[in-house]
Amino acid sequence: MTHILEMNNIIKDFPGVRALDHVNFNVESGEIHCLVGENGAGKSTLMKILSGVYKTKEYEGDIVLNGEIQNFNSIRDSESKGIAIIHQELALIPELSVYENVFLGHEIKKGGFIDWNETILQCKKYLEMVNLVVEPEQKVKNLGVGKQQLIEIAKALSKDVKLLILDEPTAALNEDESKNLLNLLVDLKKHNVTSIMISH
């Protein structure tokens, strides 16, 4: 198997504390990789570096994605390379519909206007991929946290994600929802999605 991701000799300092000290982290293509450690161990800091929250100049070391060194200076930079991170605090807008949330920030346009019919059609496809049975027109605020998390994953898939990072994904889920999520990550391997799960 080949490495989709290598993080080499990562050093990250905050005032008065070294959060990451020459950290090396490799993920093979197609695997579901678990990153486990106590609170404060630096897991989230490492993933914030990978997802462009911390810019290239704010840490030392290299991110190598598919054999190429990357310089991410924003979340948009990492997303353009197929990386998506789903935080514990979900980044959905409760008052908007499911389909509006899935395509928020990368709307489907036709002749300069948003093509809502195509948006709903595409949204249904991604909801199917994450095994979520809800009407695309439903408001997100009316759905439970387990379903909202699946909407976040559908949103990542709509951006052609190749490396999906989930930060403490089962913390707010019940046993059935957790099992469903883990089965979904196995299914996503068929769509060439590699996953990293962060947990304490």
Protein backbone atom coordinates (compact mmCIF):
# COMPACT_ATOMS: atom_id res chain seq x y z
CA MET A 1 0.00 0.00 0.00
CA THR A 2 1.14 3.55 -0.66
CA HIS A 3 1.08 6.46 1.76
CA ILE A 4 -1.57 9.04 0.89
CA LEU A 5 -0.21 11.22 3.70
CA GLU A 6 3.12 11.77 5.46
CA MET A 7 3.63 14.40 8.13
CA ASN A 8 7.36 14.64 8.81
CA ASN A 9 9.11 16.20 11.83
CA ILE A 10 6.22 18.49 12.72
CA ILE A 11 7.04 21.06 15.42
CA LYS A 12 4.41 23.46 16.72
CA ASP A 13 5.02 25.93 19.53
CA PHE A 14 2.56 28.08 21.43
CA PRO A 15 3.75 30.77 23.85
CA GLY A 16 5.56 28.91 26.63
CA VAL A 17 4.68 25.41 25.44
CA ARG A 18 5.73 23.01 22.67
CA ALA A 19 2.55 21.24 21.53
CA LEU A 20 4.19 19.02 18.89
CA ASP A 21 7.82 17.93 19.04
CA HIS A 22 9.17 16.29 15.85
CA VAL A 23 5.97 14.36 15.19
CA ASN A 24 5.88 11.87 12.31
CA PHE A 25 2.52 10.56 11.13
CA ASN A 26 1.81 8.38 8.08
CA VAL A 27 -1.51 7.20 6.66
CA GLU A 28 -1.84 4.58 3.94
CA SER A 29 -4.29 5.00 1.09
CA GLY A 30 -7.64 3.35 1.78
CA GLU A 31 -7.16 2.74 5.48
CA ILE A 32 -9.23 3.88 8.46
CA HIS A 33 -6.59 5.28 10.79
CA CYS A 34 -7.26 6.00 14.45
CA LEU A 35 -5.30 8.75 16.19
CA VAL A 36 -5.70 8.16 19.92
CA GLY A 37 -4.34 10.10 22.87
CA GLU A 38 -5.27 12.01 26.01
CA ASN A 39 -6.77 15.49 25.91
CA GLY A 40 -3.92 17.95 25.35
CA ALA A 41 -1.73 15.37 23.59
CA GLY A 42 -1.68 17.47 20.40
CA LYS A 43 -4.00 15.39 18.19
CA SER A 44 -6.24 18.30 17.20
CA THR A 45 -3.23 20.61 16.74
CA LEU A 46 -1.71 18.12 14.28
CA MET A 47 -4.98 17.93 12.35
CA LYS A 48 -5.32 21.73 12.32
CA ILE A 49 -1.90 21.87 10.65
CA LEU A 50 -3.00 19.25 8.12
CA SER A 51 -6.24 21.10 7.32
CA GLY A 52 -4.63 24.54 6.89
CA VAL A 53 -6.00 26.15 10.08
CA TYR A 54 -2.34 26.77 11.04
CA LYS A 55 -0.42 28.19 8.09
CA THR A 56 2.85 26.83 6.73
CA LYS A 57 4.92 29.55 8.46
CA GLU A 58 3.32 28.79 11.84
CA TYR A 59 4.97 25.36 12.26
CA GLU A 60 8.06 23.43 11.19
CA GLY A 61 8.13 20.20 9.17
CA ASP A 62 6.54 18.90 5.98
CA ILE A 63 3.12 17.71 4.88
CA VAL A 64 3.47 15.27 1.98
CA LEU A 65 0.25 14.35 0.18
CA ASN A 66 0.42 11.72 -2.57
CA GLY A 67 4.18 12.22 -2.75
CA GLU A 68 4.08 16.04 -3.05
CA ILE A 69 5.04 18.55 -0.35
CA GLN A 70 2.09 20.83 0.44
CA ASN A 71 1.91 24.39 1.74
CA PHE A 72 -1.55 24.94 3.17
CA ASN A 73 -2.36 28.49 4.26
CA SER A 74 -6.11 28.08 4.61
CA ILE A 75 -8.82 25.43 4.92
CA ARG A 76 -9.70 26.14 1.28
CA ASP A 77 -6.14 25.14 0.28
CA SER A 78 -6.42 21.74 1.95
CA GLU A 79 -9.96 21.19 0.65
CA SER A 80 -8.73 21.82 -2.90
CA LYS A 81 -6.42 18.82 -2.39
CA GLY A 82 -9.25 16.58 -1.17
CA ILE A 83 -8.84 16.97 2.61
CA ALA A 84 -11.92 17.59 4.79
CA ILE A 85 -12.09 17.87 8.58
CA ILE A 86 -15.28 17.43 10.57
CA HIS A 87 -14.96 19.03 13.98
CA GLN A 88 -16.83 18.10 17.14
CA GLU A 89 -18.70 21.41 16.84
CA LEU A 90 -20.48 20.81 13.55
CA ALA A 91 -20.26 23.65 11.03
CA LEU A 92 -23.85 23.52 9.79
CA ILE A 93 -26.32 26.41 9.65
CA PRO A 94 -29.44 25.23 11.55
CA GLU A 95 -31.92 27.51 9.77
CA LEU A 96 -30.91 26.30 6.30
CA SER A 97 -32.14 23.15 4.57
CA VAL A 98 -30.07 19.98 4.22
CA TYR A 99 -29.31 20.67 0.54
CA GLU A 100 -28.32 24.30 1.21
CA ASN A 101 -25.88 23.12 3.90
CA VAL A 102 -24.37 20.36 1.74
CA PHE A 103 -23.48 22.83 -1.04
CA LEU A 104 -22.82 25.91 1.09
CA GLY A 105 -19.75 27.70 -0.28
CA HIS A 106 -19.55 25.61 -3.47
CA GLU A 107 -22.99 26.10 -4.96
CA ILE A 108 -23.96 24.52 -8.29
CA LYS A 109 -24.45 27.36 -10.74
CA LYS A 110 -25.91 27.61 -14.22
CA GLY A 111 -25.67 30.85 -16.17
CA GLY A 112 -24.52 32.74 -13.09
CA PHE A 113 -27.46 31.61 -10.92
CA ILE A 114 -27.73 28.78 -8.41
CA ASP A 115 -29.35 25.72 -10.01
CA TRP A 116 -31.56 24.56 -7.12
CA ASN A 117 -33.04 21.59 -9.01
CA GLU A 118 -29.58 20.18 -9.74
CA THR A 119 -28.49 20.98 -6.16
CA ILE A 120 -31.36 18.90 -4.70
CA LEU A 121 -30.64 16.08 -7.17
CA GLN A 122 -26.95 16.00 -6.28
CA CYS A 123 -27.75 16.30 -2.57
CA LYS A 124 -29.92 13.14 -2.76
CA LYS A 125 -26.98 11.28 -4.30
CA TYR A 126 -24.63 12.21 -1.44
CA LEU A 127 -27.26 11.49 1.23
CA GLU A 128 -27.63 8.04 -0.31
CA MET A 129 -23.86 7.54 -0.11
CA VAL A 130 -23.94 8.20 3.66
CA ASN A 131 -27.10 6.06 4.13
CA LEU A 132 -29.14 9.00 5.41
CA VAL A 133 -32.87 8.95 4.71
CA VAL A 134 -34.10 12.56 5.08
CA GLU A 135 -35.80 15.01 2.75
CA PRO A 136 -33.21 17.45 1.32
CA GLU A 137 -35.68 20.30 1.99
CA GLN A 138 -35.74 19.64 5.77
CA LYS A 139 -34.15 22.24 8.02
CA VAL A 140 -31.01 21.00 9.73
CA LYS A 141 -32.19 22.25 13.15
CA ASN A 142 -34.94 19.60 13.11
CA LEU A 143 -32.45 16.72 12.87
CA GLY A 144 -30.53 14.95 15.63
CA VAL A 145 -26.75 15.22 16.03
CA GLY A 146 -26.13 11.79 14.44
CA LYS A 147 -27.94 12.83 11.26
CA GLN A 148 -26.23 16.23 11.27
CA GLN A 149 -22.87 14.51 11.36
CA LEU A 150 -23.84 12.44 8.30
CA ILE A 151 -24.81 15.69 6.54
CA GLU A 152 -21.29 17.00 7.28
CA ILE A 153 -19.85 13.85 5.68
CA ALA A 154 -22.18 14.27 2.67
CA LYS A 155 -20.91 17.85 2.40
CA ALA A 156 -17.30 16.59 2.40
CA LEU A 157 -18.15 14.02 -0.30
CA SER A 158 -19.71 16.77 -2.43
CA LYS A 159 -16.27 18.46 -2.40
CA ASP A 160 -14.64 15.25 -3.71
CA VAL A 161 -12.94 14.38 -0.42
CA LYS A 162 -10.08 11.87 -0.51
CA LEU A 163 -8.90 12.19 3.10
CA LEU A 164 -11.64 12.56 5.71
CA ILE A 165 -10.70 13.62 9.25
CA LEU A 166 -13.25 13.16 12.04
CA ASP A 167 -12.50 14.80 15.40
CA GLU A 168 -14.07 12.80 18.28
CA PRO A 169 -16.86 11.66 15.94
CA THR A 170 -18.62 9.31 18.38
CA ALA A 171 -18.53 11.60 21.44
CA ALA A 172 -22.12 12.83 21.03
CA LEU A 173 -23.54 9.69 19.38
CA ASN A 174 -25.43 6.78 20.89
CA GLU A 175 -24.31 3.17 20.32
CA ASP A 176 -26.37 2.59 17.15
CA GLU A 177 -25.29 5.90 15.61
CA SER A 178 -21.64 5.11 16.41
CA LYS A 179 -21.94 1.69 14.80
CA ASN A 180 -23.62 3.24 11.74
CA LEU A 181 -20.80 5.79 11.43
CA LEU A 182 -18.07 3.15 11.62
CA ASN A 183 -19.85 1.00 9.00
CA LEU A 184 -20.10 4.08 6.79
CA LEU A 185 -16.32 4.67 6.97
CA VAL A 186 -15.81 1.08 5.78
CA ASP A 187 -18.27 1.71 2.90
CA LEU A 188 -16.47 4.93 1.93
CA LYS A 189 -13.27 2.97 1.29
CA LYS A 190 -15.04 1.72 -1.87
CA HIS A 191 -15.19 5.36 -3.00
CA ASN A 192 -11.43 5.75 -2.40
CA VAL A 193 -11.94 7.77 0.80
CA THR A 194 -9.24 7.36 3.45
CA SER A 195 -10.33 8.24 7.00
CA ILE A 196 -8.59 9.49 10.14
CA MET A 197 -10.54 9.26 13.38
CA ILE A 198 -9.37 11.26 16.39
CA SER A 199 -10.33 9.93 19.81
CA HIS A 200 -9.20 10.12 23.42
